[in-house]
Amino acid sequence: KMQVSPKELLVSLRAACPLVMCVQNFVAMDLSANVLLAAGASPAMVNAPQESEDFTKVSSALSINVGTALTQEWMEASLLSAAAAKRNGLPWVLDPVGVGVTKHRTD
C-alpha cells in the first residue's frame, strides 16, 4: 500500500488546481466555493441546464447539492451534469439534503 500524508495530498491538490463544477443551492454555494478555494481547487457554480453538459466535460469533478435547489431548472441541471459525469468517467458526489422527507425530493 502506498501511504500518502494529508500534507502531500493537499500539496498535490493545490498543484493540480482542479476545476470543480458545483450545482449548488444558494445556502451552500458561498461556503462550498470558499472551501474549494482554500483547498486549492477552482470552483465553478453552474446551475443552468443549458451549459451543464458542456461545463461538466471540462471539469475535474462534480458536486451536486439539492438542499433548496428544487426548481425544475436546477433539477434538470443536476440530472444533465450527473449523466455527463458518468459518461466521461468524472468523479462526482451528491449531497441529497432532505431526500425522503417529501415526495418531490424523493422523486
PDB file of N, CA and C in Angstrom:
ATOM      1  N   LYS A   1       0.832  -1.188   0.000  1.00  0.00           N
ATOM      2  CA  LYS A   1       0.000   0.000   0.000  1.00  0.00           C
ATOM      3  C   LYS A   1       0.874   1.247   0.000  1.00  0.00           C
ATOM      4  N   MET A   2       0.443   2.206  -0.771  1.00  0.00           N
ATOM      5  CA  MET A   2       1.164   3.469  -0.810  1.00  0.00           C
ATOM      6  C   MET A   2       0.568   4.406   0.238  1.00  0.00           C
ATOM      7  N   GLN A   3       1.394   4.880   1.127  1.00  0.00           N
ATOM      8  CA  GLN A   3       0.944   5.811   2.159  1.00  0.00           C
ATOM      9  C   GLN A   3       1.221   7.240   1.705  1.00  0.00           C
ATOM     10  N   VAL A   4       0.199   8.042   1.714  1.00  0.00           N
ATOM     11  CA  VAL A   4       0.339   9.445   1.348  1.00  0.00           C
ATOM     12  C   VAL A   4      -0.198  10.265   2.510  1.00  0.00           C
ATOM     13  N   SER A   5       0.585  11.218   2.945  1.00  0.00           N
ATOM     14  CA  SER A   5       0.174  12.041   4.080  1.00  0.00           C
ATOM     15  C   SER A   5      -0.858  13.080   3.639  1.00  0.00           C
ATOM     16  N   PRO A   6      -1.646  13.577   4.573  1.00  0.00           N
ATOM     17  CA  PRO A   6      -2.590  14.651   4.243  1.00  0.00           C
ATOM     18  C   PRO A   6      -1.886  15.865   3.631  1.00  0.00           C
ATOM     19  N   LYS A   7      -0.694  16.154   4.130  1.00  0.00           N
ATOM     20  CA  LYS A   7       0.059  17.288   3.585  1.00  0.00           C
ATOM     21  C   LYS A   7       0.397  17.048   2.119  1.00  0.00           C
ATOM     22  N   GLU A   8       0.840  15.835   1.800  1.00  0.00           N
ATOM     23  CA  GLU A   8       1.180  15.515   0.412  1.00  0.00           C
ATOM     24  C   GLU A   8      -0.053  15.585  -0.493  1.00  0.00           C
ATOM     25  N   LEU A   9      -1.180  15.133   0.023  1.00  0.00           N
ATOM     26  CA  LEU A   9      -2.417  15.213  -0.752  1.00  0.00           C
ATOM     27  C   LEU A   9      -2.806  16.661  -1.031  1.00  0.00           C
ATOM     28  N   LEU A  10      -2.680  17.516  -0.018  1.00  0.00           N
ATOM     29  CA  LEU A  10      -3.022  18.921  -0.182  1.00  0.00           C
ATOM     30  C   LEU A  10      -2.076  19.608  -1.165  1.00  0.00           C
ATOM     31  N   VAL A  11      -0.789  19.310  -1.064  1.00  0.00           N
ATOM     32  CA  VAL A  11       0.188  19.880  -1.998  1.00  0.00           C
ATOM     33  C   VAL A  11      -0.141  19.449  -3.426  1.00  0.00           C
ATOM     34  N   SER A  12      -0.480  18.176  -3.588  1.00  0.00           N
ATOM     35  CA  SER A  12      -0.839  17.645  -4.903  1.00  0.00           C
ATOM     36  C   SER A  12      -2.107  18.307  -5.445  1.00  0.00           C
ATOM     37  N   LEU A  13      -3.099  18.466  -4.584  1.00  0.00           N
ATOM     38  CA  LEU A  13      -4.345  19.112  -4.989  1.00  0.00           C
ATOM     39  C   LEU A  13      -4.097  20.545  -5.430  1.00  0.00           C
ATOM     40  N   ARG A  14      -3.321  21.268  -4.652  1.00  0.00           N
ATOM     41  CA  ARG A  14      -3.044  22.670  -4.986  1.00  0.00           C
ATOM     42  C   ARG A  14      -2.240  22.798  -6.273  1.00  0.00           C
ATOM     43  N   ALA A  15      -1.351  21.851  -6.529  1.00  0.00           N
ATOM     44  CA  ALA A  15      -0.575  21.877  -7.768  1.00  0.00           C
ATOM     45  C   ALA A  15      -1.476  21.620  -8.978  1.00  0.00           C
ATOM     46  N   ALA A  16      -2.448  20.751  -8.807  1.00  0.00           N
ATOM     47  CA  ALA A  16      -3.353  20.409  -9.910  1.00  0.00           C
ATOM     48  C   ALA A  16      -4.397  21.492 -10.166  1.00  0.00           C
ATOM     49  N   CYS A  17      -4.806  22.198  -9.120  1.00  0.00           N
ATOM     50  CA  CYS A  17      -5.852  23.230  -9.189  1.00  0.00           C
ATOM     51  C   CYS A  17      -7.044  22.758 -10.037  1.00  0.00           C
ATOM     52  N   PRO A  18      -7.688  21.671  -9.612  1.00  0.00           N
ATOM     53  CA  PRO A  18      -8.775  21.112 -10.420  1.00  0.00           C
ATOM     54  C   PRO A  18      -9.999  22.023 -10.485  1.00  0.00           C
ATOM     55  N   LEU A  19     -10.629  22.018 -11.637  1.00  0.00           N
ATOM     56  CA  LEU A  19     -11.881  22.739 -11.817  1.00  0.00           C
ATOM     57  C   LEU A  19     -12.999  21.852 -11.283  1.00  0.00           C
ATOM     58  N   VAL A  20     -13.686  22.307 -10.258  1.00  0.00           N
ATOM     59  CA  VAL A  20     -14.777  21.541  -9.652  1.00  0.00           C
ATOM     60  C   VAL A  20     -16.091  22.250  -9.961  1.00  0.00           C
ATOM     61  N   MET A  21     -16.901  21.591 -10.762  1.00  0.00           N
ATOM     62  CA  MET A  21     -18.212  22.140 -11.098  1.00  0.00           C
ATOM     63  C   MET A  21     -19.184  21.841  -9.970  1.00  0.00           C
ATOM     64  N   CYS A  22     -19.912  22.849  -9.546  1.00  0.00           N
ATOM     65  CA  CYS A  22     -20.852  22.694  -8.436  1.00  0.00           C
ATOM     66  C   CYS A  22     -22.248  23.108  -8.870  1.00  0.00           C
ATOM     67  N   VAL A  23     -23.189  22.192  -8.722  1.00  0.00           N
ATOM     68  CA  VAL A  23     -24.600  22.522  -8.874  1.00  0.00           C
ATOM     69  C   VAL A  23     -25.101  22.599  -7.439  1.00  0.00           C
ATOM     70  N   GLN A  24     -25.163  23.810  -6.930  1.00  0.00           N
ATOM     71  CA  GLN A  24     -25.409  24.030  -5.505  1.00  0.00           C
ATOM     72  C   GLN A  24     -26.644  24.883  -5.284  1.00  0.00           C
ATOM     73  N   ASN A  25     -27.202  24.769  -4.101  1.00  0.00           N
ATOM     74  CA  ASN A  25     -28.281  25.673  -3.722  1.00  0.00           C
ATOM     75  C   ASN A  25     -27.668  26.948  -3.144  1.00  0.00           C
ATOM     76  N   PHE A  26     -28.486  27.976  -3.002  1.00  0.00           N
ATOM     77  CA  PHE A  26     -27.974  29.266  -2.532  1.00  0.00           C
ATOM     78  C   PHE A  26     -27.404  29.206  -1.120  1.00  0.00           C
ATOM     79  N   VAL A  27     -27.913  28.322  -0.290  1.00  0.00           N
ATOM     80  CA  VAL A  27     -27.422  28.203   1.086  1.00  0.00           C
ATOM     81  C   VAL A  27     -25.984  27.689   1.105  1.00  0.00           C
ATOM     82  N   ALA A  28     -25.678  26.708   0.267  1.00  0.00           N
ATOM     83  CA  ALA A  28     -24.367  26.054   0.278  1.00  0.00           C
ATOM     84  C   ALA A  28     -23.353  26.681  -0.672  1.00  0.00           C
ATOM     85  N   MET A  29     -23.801  27.494  -1.594  1.00  0.00           N
ATOM     86  CA  MET A  29     -22.947  27.992  -2.669  1.00  0.00           C
ATOM     87  C   MET A  29     -21.692  28.719  -2.176  1.00  0.00           C
ATOM     88  N   ASP A  30     -21.847  29.702  -1.328  1.00  0.00           N
ATOM     89  CA  ASP A  30     -20.721  30.508  -0.857  1.00  0.00           C
ATOM     90  C   ASP A  30     -19.729  29.671  -0.051  1.00  0.00           C
ATOM     91  N   LEU A  31     -20.237  28.886   0.875  1.00  0.00           N
ATOM     92  CA  LEU A  31     -19.370  28.050   1.705  1.00  0.00           C
ATOM     93  C   LEU A  31     -18.630  27.017   0.860  1.00  0.00           C
ATOM     94  N   SER A  32     -19.327  26.387  -0.056  1.00  0.00           N
ATOM     95  CA  SER A  32     -18.691  25.388  -0.923  1.00  0.00           C
ATOM     96  C   SER A  32     -17.567  26.012  -1.742  1.00  0.00           C
ATOM     97  N   ALA A  33     -17.825  27.163  -2.315  1.00  0.00           N
ATOM     98  CA  ALA A  33     -16.805  27.844  -3.112  1.00  0.00           C
ATOM     99  C   ALA A  33     -15.587  28.191  -2.265  1.00  0.00           C
ATOM    100  N   ASN A  34     -15.809  28.703  -1.074  1.00  0.00           N
ATOM    101  CA  ASN A  34     -14.689  29.087  -0.209  1.00  0.00           C
ATOM    102  C   ASN A  34     -13.873  27.889   0.262  1.00  0.00           C
ATOM    103  N   VAL A  35     -14.526  26.783   0.576  1.00  0.00           N
ATOM    104  CA  VAL A  35     -13.802  25.573   0.988  1.00  0.00           C
ATOM    105  C   VAL A  35     -12.962  25.047  -0.175  1.00  0.00           C
ATOM    106  N   LEU A  36     -13.538  25.006  -1.363  1.00  0.00           N
ATOM    107  CA  LEU A  36     -12.787  24.534  -2.530  1.00  0.00           C
ATOM    108  C   LEU A  36     -11.602  25.448  -2.835  1.00  0.00           C
ATOM    109  N   LEU A  37     -11.805  26.752  -2.744  1.00  0.00           N
ATOM    110  CA  LEU A  37     -10.702  27.694  -2.963  1.00  0.00           C
ATOM    111  C   LEU A  37      -9.596  27.505  -1.930  1.00  0.00           C
ATOM    112  N   ALA A  38      -9.968  27.335  -0.674  1.00  0.00           N
ATOM    113  CA  ALA A  38      -8.978  27.144   0.393  1.00  0.00           C
ATOM    114  C   ALA A  38      -8.185  25.857   0.193  1.00  0.00           C
ATOM    115  N   ALA A  39      -8.827  24.854  -0.385  1.00  0.00           N
ATOM    116  CA  ALA A  39      -8.145  23.578  -0.626  1.00  0.00           C
ATOM    117  C   ALA A  39      -7.253  23.632  -1.859  1.00  0.00           C
ATOM    118  N   GLY A  40      -7.437  24.641  -2.699  1.00  0.00           N
ATOM    119  CA  GLY A  40      -6.608  24.773  -3.886  1.00  0.00           C
ATOM    120  C   GLY A  40      -7.316  24.439  -5.184  1.00  0.00           C
ATOM    121  N   ALA A  41      -8.603  24.201  -5.113  1.00  0.00           N
ATOM    122  CA  ALA A  41      -9.377  23.903  -6.320  1.00  0.00           C
ATOM    123  C   ALA A  41      -9.934  25.195  -6.907  1.00  0.00           C
ATOM    124  N   SER A  42     -10.483  25.082  -8.089  1.00  0.00           N
ATOM    125  CA  SER A  42     -11.118  26.214  -8.751  1.00  0.00           C
ATOM    126  C   SER A  42     -12.604  25.899  -8.913  1.00  0.00           C
ATOM    127  N   PRO A  43     -13.456  26.453  -8.043  1.00  0.00           N
ATOM    128  CA  PRO A  43     -14.881  26.130  -8.108  1.00  0.00           C
ATOM    129  C   PRO A  43     -15.609  26.917  -9.196  1.00  0.00           C
ATOM    130  N   ALA A  44     -16.609  26.283  -9.774  1.00  0.00           N
ATOM    131  CA  ALA A  44     -17.475  26.953 -10.742  1.00  0.00           C
ATOM    132  C   ALA A  44     -18.911  26.588 -10.400  1.00  0.00           C
ATOM    133  N   MET A  45     -19.705  27.584 -10.074  1.00  0.00           N
ATOM    134  CA  MET A  45     -21.107  27.355  -9.738  1.00  0.00           C
ATOM    135  C   MET A  45     -21.925  27.426 -11.025  1.00  0.00           C
ATOM    136  N   VAL A  46     -22.429  26.291 -11.452  1.00  0.00           N
ATOM    137  CA  VAL A  46     -23.151  26.193 -12.722  1.00  0.00           C
ATOM    138  C   VAL A  46     -24.519  25.583 -12.447  1.00  0.00           C
ATOM    139  N   ASN A  47     -25.558  26.373 -12.565  1.00  0.00           N
ATOM    140  CA  ASN A  47     -26.908  25.900 -12.274  1.00  0.00           C
ATOM    141  C   ASN A  47     -27.835  25.943 -13.478  1.00  0.00           C
ATOM    142  N   ALA A  48     -27.327  26.339 -14.629  1.00  0.00           N
ATOM    143  CA  ALA A  48     -28.161  26.438 -15.828  1.00  0.00           C
ATOM    144  C   ALA A  48     -28.060  25.153 -16.643  1.00  0.00           C
ATOM    145  N   PRO A  49     -29.181  24.513 -16.924  1.00  0.00           N
ATOM    146  CA  PRO A  49     -29.134  23.280 -17.704  1.00  0.00           C
ATOM    147  C   PRO A  49     -28.567  23.491 -19.105  1.00  0.00           C
ATOM    148  N   GLN A  50     -28.676  24.709 -19.635  1.00  0.00           N
ATOM    149  CA  GLN A  50     -28.188  24.997 -20.981  1.00  0.00           C
ATOM    150  C   GLN A  50     -26.679  24.806 -21.113  1.00  0.00           C
ATOM    151  N   GLU A  51     -25.941  24.907 -20.016  1.00  0.00           N
ATOM    152  CA  GLU A  51     -24.489  24.757 -20.086  1.00  0.00           C
ATOM    153  C   GLU A  51     -23.965  23.592 -19.250  1.00  0.00           C
ATOM    154  N   SER A  52     -24.848  22.868 -18.597  1.00  0.00           N
ATOM    155  CA  SER A  52     -24.436  21.816 -17.665  1.00  0.00           C
ATOM    156  C   SER A  52     -23.573  20.739 -18.302  1.00  0.00           C
ATOM    157  N   GLU A  53     -24.017  20.171 -19.418  1.00  0.00           N
ATOM    158  CA  GLU A  53     -23.266  19.081 -20.040  1.00  0.00           C
ATOM    159  C   GLU A  53     -21.903  19.549 -20.531  1.00  0.00           C
ATOM    160  N   ASP A  54     -21.865  20.685 -21.227  1.00  0.00           N
ATOM    161  CA  ASP A  54     -20.596  21.191 -21.750  1.00  0.00           C
ATOM    162  C   ASP A  54     -19.622  21.523 -20.629  1.00  0.00           C
ATOM    163  N   PHE A  55     -20.114  22.128 -19.561  1.00  0.00           N
ATOM    164  CA  PHE A  55     -19.243  22.503 -18.452  1.00  0.00           C
ATOM    165  C   PHE A  55     -18.716  21.270 -17.734  1.00  0.00           C
ATOM    166  N   THR A  56     -19.556  20.249 -17.601  1.00  0.00           N
ATOM    167  CA  THR A  56     -19.130  19.021 -16.931  1.00  0.00           C
ATOM    168  C   THR A  56     -17.971  18.378 -17.679  1.00  0.00           C
ATOM    169  N   LYS A  57     -18.004  18.428 -19.002  1.00  0.00           N
ATOM    170  CA  LYS A  57     -16.968  17.795 -19.827  1.00  0.00           C
ATOM    171  C   LYS A  57     -15.575  18.365 -19.571  1.00  0.00           C
ATOM    172  N   VAL A  58     -15.480  19.631 -19.200  1.00  0.00           N
ATOM    173  CA  VAL A  58     -14.172  20.254 -18.995  1.00  0.00           C
ATOM    174  C   VAL A  58     -13.784  20.337 -17.521  1.00  0.00           C
ATOM    175  N   SER A  59     -14.611  19.784 -16.653  1.00  0.00           N
ATOM    176  CA  SER A  59     -14.344  19.825 -15.214  1.00  0.00           C
ATOM    177  C   SER A  59     -13.553  18.606 -14.762  1.00  0.00           C
ATOM    178  N   SER A  60     -12.938  18.731 -13.595  1.00  0.00           N
ATOM    179  CA  SER A  60     -12.195  17.622 -12.990  1.00  0.00           C
ATOM    180  C   SER A  60     -13.056  16.820 -12.030  1.00  0.00           C
ATOM    181  N   ALA A  61     -14.113  17.445 -11.509  1.00  0.00           N
ATOM    182  CA  ALA A  61     -15.010  16.787 -10.560  1.00  0.00           C
ATOM    183  C   ALA A  61     -16.327  17.554 -10.534  1.00  0.00           C
ATOM    184  N   LEU A  62     -17.348  16.905  -9.967  1.00  0.00           N
ATOM    185  CA  LEU A  62     -18.683  17.495  -9.901  1.00  0.00           C
ATOM    186  C   LEU A  62     -19.257  17.302  -8.508  1.00  0.00           C
ATOM    187  N   SER A  63     -19.876  18.355  -7.983  1.00  0.00           N
ATOM    188  CA  SER A  63     -20.567  18.295  -6.695  1.00  0.00           C
ATOM    189  C   SER A  63     -21.997  18.792  -6.893  1.00  0.00           C
ATOM    190  N   ILE A  64     -22.965  17.982  -6.455  1.00  0.00           N
ATOM    191  CA  ILE A  64     -24.373  18.359  -6.575  1.00  0.00           C
ATOM    192  C   ILE A  64     -24.995  18.381  -5.183  1.00  0.00           C
ATOM    193  N   ASN A  65     -25.634  19.498  -4.841  1.00  0.00           N
ATOM    194  CA  ASN A  65     -26.331  19.653  -3.563  1.00  0.00           C
ATOM    195  C   ASN A  65     -27.769  20.029  -3.874  1.00  0.00           C
ATOM    196  N   VAL A  66     -28.719  19.267  -3.347  1.00  0.00           N
ATOM    197  CA  VAL A  66     -30.125  19.530  -3.668  1.00  0.00           C
ATOM    198  C   VAL A  66     -30.906  20.162  -2.519  1.00  0.00           C
ATOM    199  N   GLY A  67     -30.212  20.764  -1.578  1.00  0.00           N
ATOM    200  CA  GLY A  67     -30.867  21.333  -0.404  1.00  0.00           C
ATOM    201  C   GLY A  67     -32.082  22.189  -0.669  1.00  0.00           C
ATOM    202  N   THR A  68     -31.906  23.351  -1.255  1.00  0.00           N
ATOM    203  CA  THR A  68     -33.040  24.229  -1.543  1.00  0.00           C
ATOM    204  C   THR A  68     -33.220  24.422  -3.040  1.00  0.00           C
ATOM    205  N   ALA A  69     -32.449  23.722  -3.819  1.00  0.00           N
ATOM    206  CA  ALA A  69     -32.458  23.899  -5.275  1.00  0.00           C
ATOM    207  C   ALA A  69     -33.395  22.904  -5.940  1.00  0.00           C
ATOM    208  N   LEU A  70     -34.663  23.033  -5.687  1.00  0.00           N
ATOM    209  CA  LEU A  70     -35.599  22.055  -6.216  1.00  0.00           C
ATOM    210  C   LEU A  70     -36.481  22.597  -7.330  1.00  0.00           C
ATOM    211  N   THR A  71     -36.051  23.674  -7.975  1.00  0.00           N
ATOM    212  CA  THR A  71     -36.803  24.149  -9.128  1.00  0.00           C
ATOM    213  C   THR A  71     -36.548  23.191 -10.286  1.00  0.00           C
ATOM    214  N   GLN A  72     -37.416  23.219 -11.258  1.00  0.00           N
ATOM    215  CA  GLN A  72     -37.274  22.337 -12.421  1.00  0.00           C
ATOM    216  C   GLN A  72     -35.935  22.572 -13.114  1.00  0.00           C
ATOM    217  N   GLU A  73     -35.533  23.830 -13.252  1.00  0.00           N
ATOM    218  CA  GLU A  73     -34.279  24.155 -13.937  1.00  0.00           C
ATOM    219  C   GLU A  73     -33.067  23.597 -13.187  1.00  0.00           C
ATOM    220  N   TRP A  74     -33.032  23.745 -11.879  1.00  0.00           N
ATOM    221  CA  TRP A  74     -31.896  23.249 -11.104  1.00  0.00           C
ATOM    222  C   TRP A  74     -31.857  21.728 -11.098  1.00  0.00           C
ATOM    223  N   MET A  75     -33.022  21.093 -11.026  1.00  0.00           N
ATOM    224  CA  MET A  75     -33.046  19.633 -11.055  1.00  0.00           C
ATOM    225  C   MET A  75     -32.589  19.118 -12.416  1.00  0.00           C
ATOM    226  N   GLU A  76     -32.991  19.798 -13.479  1.00  0.00           N
ATOM    227  CA  GLU A  76     -32.548  19.416 -14.819  1.00  0.00           C
ATOM    228  C   GLU A  76     -31.035  19.568 -14.941  1.00  0.00           C
ATOM    229  N   ALA A  77     -30.491  20.658 -14.416  1.00  0.00           N
ATOM    230  CA  ALA A  77     -29.041  20.861 -14.440  1.00  0.00           C
ATOM    231  C   ALA A  77     -28.329  19.750 -13.672  1.00  0.00           C
ATOM    232  N   SER A  78     -28.882  19.352 -12.543  1.00  0.00           N
ATOM    233  CA  SER A  78     -28.290  18.277 -11.740  1.00  0.00           C
ATOM    234  C   SER A  78     -28.278  16.964 -12.506  1.00  0.00           C
ATOM    235  N   LEU A  79     -29.404  16.609 -13.109  1.00  0.00           N
ATOM    236  CA  LEU A  79     -29.500  15.345 -13.842  1.00  0.00           C
ATOM    237  C   LEU A  79     -28.598  15.328 -15.071  1.00  0.00           C
ATOM    238  N   LEU A  80     -28.574  16.424 -15.822  1.00  0.00           N
ATOM    239  CA  LEU A  80     -27.708  16.503 -17.001  1.00  0.00           C
ATOM    240  C   LEU A  80     -26.235  16.422 -16.612  1.00  0.00           C
ATOM    241  N   SER A  81     -25.866  17.109 -15.536  1.00  0.00           N
ATOM    242  CA  SER A  81     -24.475  17.104 -15.078  1.00  0.00           C
ATOM    243  C   SER A  81     -24.049  15.726 -14.599  1.00  0.00           C
ATOM    244  N   ALA A  82     -24.898  15.067 -13.827  1.00  0.00           N
ATOM    245  CA  ALA A  82     -24.573  13.728 -13.328  1.00  0.00           C
ATOM    246  C   ALA A  82     -24.428  12.740 -14.478  1.00  0.00           C
ATOM    247  N   ALA A  83     -25.309  12.820 -15.464  1.00  0.00           N
ATOM    248  CA  ALA A  83     -25.224  11.927 -16.620  1.00  0.00           C
ATOM    249  C   ALA A  83     -23.940  12.175 -17.406  1.00  0.00           C
ATOM    250  N   ALA A  84     -23.584  13.444 -17.597  1.00  0.00           N
ATOM    251  CA  ALA A  84     -22.350  13.776 -18.319  1.00  0.00           C
ATOM    252  C   ALA A  84     -21.126  13.315 -17.539  1.00  0.00           C
ATOM    253  N   ALA A  85     -21.159  13.450 -16.225  1.00  0.00           N
ATOM    254  CA  ALA A  85     -20.039  12.986 -15.393  1.00  0.00           C
ATOM    255  C   ALA A  85     -19.873  11.476 -15.530  1.00  0.00           C
ATOM    256  N   LYS A  86     -20.958  10.755 -15.497  1.00  0.00           N
ATOM    257  CA  LYS A  86     -20.902   9.296 -15.634  1.00  0.00           C
ATOM    258  C   LYS A  86     -20.344   8.903 -16.998  1.00  0.00           C
ATOM    259  N   ARG A  87     -20.841   9.533 -18.058  1.00  0.00           N
ATOM    260  CA  ARG A  87     -20.362   9.237 -19.418  1.00  0.00           C
ATOM    261  C   ARG A  87     -18.871   9.493 -19.572  1.00  0.00           C
ATOM    262  N   ASN A  88     -18.378  10.533 -18.900  1.00  0.00           N
ATOM    263  CA  ASN A  88     -16.981  10.946 -19.059  1.00  0.00           C
ATOM    264  C   ASN A  88     -16.055  10.412 -17.970  1.00  0.00           C
ATOM    265  N   GLY A  89     -16.558   9.547 -17.099  1.00  0.00           N
ATOM    266  CA  GLY A  89     -15.724   8.971 -16.043  1.00  0.00           C
ATOM    267  C   GLY A  89     -15.257   9.988 -15.023  1.00  0.00           C
ATOM    268  N   LEU A  90     -16.043  11.011 -14.815  1.00  0.00           N
ATOM    269  CA  LEU A  90     -15.698  12.099 -13.899  1.00  0.00           C
ATOM    270  C   LEU A  90     -16.178  11.766 -12.487  1.00  0.00           C
ATOM    271  N   PRO A  91     -15.332  11.933 -11.476  1.00  0.00           N
ATOM    272  CA  PRO A  91     -15.807  11.696 -10.110  1.00  0.00           C
ATOM    273  C   PRO A  91     -16.832  12.756  -9.715  1.00  0.00           C
ATOM    274  N   TRP A  92     -17.872  12.295  -9.003  1.00  0.00           N
ATOM    275  CA  TRP A  92     -18.887  13.251  -8.568  1.00  0.00           C
ATOM    276  C   TRP A  92     -19.512  12.782  -7.271  1.00  0.00           C
ATOM    277  N   VAL A  93     -20.080  13.758  -6.559  1.00  0.00           N
ATOM    278  CA  VAL A  93     -20.701  13.478  -5.269  1.00  0.00           C
ATOM    279  C   VAL A  93     -22.069  14.161  -5.219  1.00  0.00           C
ATOM    280  N   LEU A  94     -23.021  13.483  -4.592  1.00  0.00           N
ATOM    281  CA  LEU A  94     -24.364  14.027  -4.414  1.00  0.00           C
ATOM    282  C   LEU A  94     -24.615  14.240  -2.931  1.00  0.00           C
ATOM    283  N   ASP A  95     -25.034  15.445  -2.571  1.00  0.00           N
ATOM    284  CA  ASP A  95     -25.455  15.746  -1.205  1.00  0.00           C
ATOM    285  C   ASP A  95     -26.981  15.786  -1.233  1.00  0.00           C
ATOM    286  N   PRO A  96     -27.641  14.677  -0.872  1.00  0.00           N
ATOM    287  CA  PRO A  96     -29.092  14.570  -1.019  1.00  0.00           C
ATOM    288  C   PRO A  96     -29.871  15.150   0.163  1.00  0.00           C
ATOM    289  N   VAL A  97     -29.684  16.420   0.419  1.00  0.00           N
ATOM    290  CA  VAL A  97     -30.320  17.074   1.563  1.00  0.00           C
ATOM    291  C   VAL A  97     -31.838  16.909   1.502  1.00  0.00           C
ATOM    292  N   GLY A  98     -32.406  16.328   2.534  1.00  0.00           N
ATOM    293  CA  GLY A  98     -33.849  16.221   2.659  1.00  0.00           C
ATOM    294  C   GLY A  98     -34.521  15.171   1.791  1.00  0.00           C
ATOM    295  N   VAL A  99     -33.744  14.395   1.036  1.00  0.00           N
ATOM    296  CA  VAL A  99     -34.359  13.359   0.209  1.00  0.00           C
ATOM    297  C   VAL A  99     -35.044  12.348   1.126  1.00  0.00           C
ATOM    298  N   GLY A 100     -36.255  11.993   0.784  1.00  0.00           N
ATOM    299  CA  GLY A 100     -37.039  11.085   1.605  1.00  0.00           C
ATOM    300  C   GLY A 100     -38.035  11.803   2.499  1.00  0.00           C
ATOM    301  N   VAL A 101     -37.869  13.111   2.643  1.00  0.00           N
ATOM    302  CA  VAL A 101     -38.770  13.879   3.505  1.00  0.00           C
ATOM    303  C   VAL A 101     -40.091  14.173   2.792  1.00  0.00           C
ATOM    304  N   THR A 102     -39.987  14.537   1.507  1.00  0.00           N
ATOM    305  CA  THR A 102     -41.195  14.821   0.730  1.00  0.00           C
ATOM    306  C   THR A 102     -41.181  14.002  -0.555  1.00  0.00           C
ATOM    307  N   LYS A 103     -42.338  13.846  -1.156  1.00  0.00           N
ATOM    308  CA  LYS A 103     -42.445  13.107  -2.419  1.00  0.00           C
ATOM    309  C   LYS A 103     -41.634  13.802  -3.507  1.00  0.00           C
ATOM    310  N   HIS A 104     -41.719  15.138  -3.572  1.00  0.00           N
ATOM    311  CA  HIS A 104     -40.992  15.899  -4.597  1.00  0.00           C
ATOM    312  C   HIS A 104     -39.484  15.662  -4.500  1.00  0.00           C
ATOM    313  N   ARG A 105     -38.927  15.695  -3.313  1.00  0.00           N
ATOM    314  CA  ARG A 105     -37.484  15.475  -3.138  1.00  0.00           C
ATOM    315  C   ARG A 105     -37.084  14.037  -3.457  1.00  0.00           C
ATOM    316  N   THR A 106     -37.954  13.108  -3.174  1.00  0.00           N
ATOM    317  CA  THR A 106     -37.636  11.700  -3.384  1.00  0.00           C
ATOM    318  C   THR A 106     -37.758  11.302  -4.852  1.00  0.00           C
ATOM    319  N   ASP A 107     -38.734  11.877  -5.559  1.00  0.00           N
ATOM    320  CA  ASP A 107     -38.913  11.563  -6.983  1.00  0.00           C
ATOM    321  C   ASP A 107     -37.762  12.105  -7.788  1.00  0.00           C
TER     322      ASP A 107
END
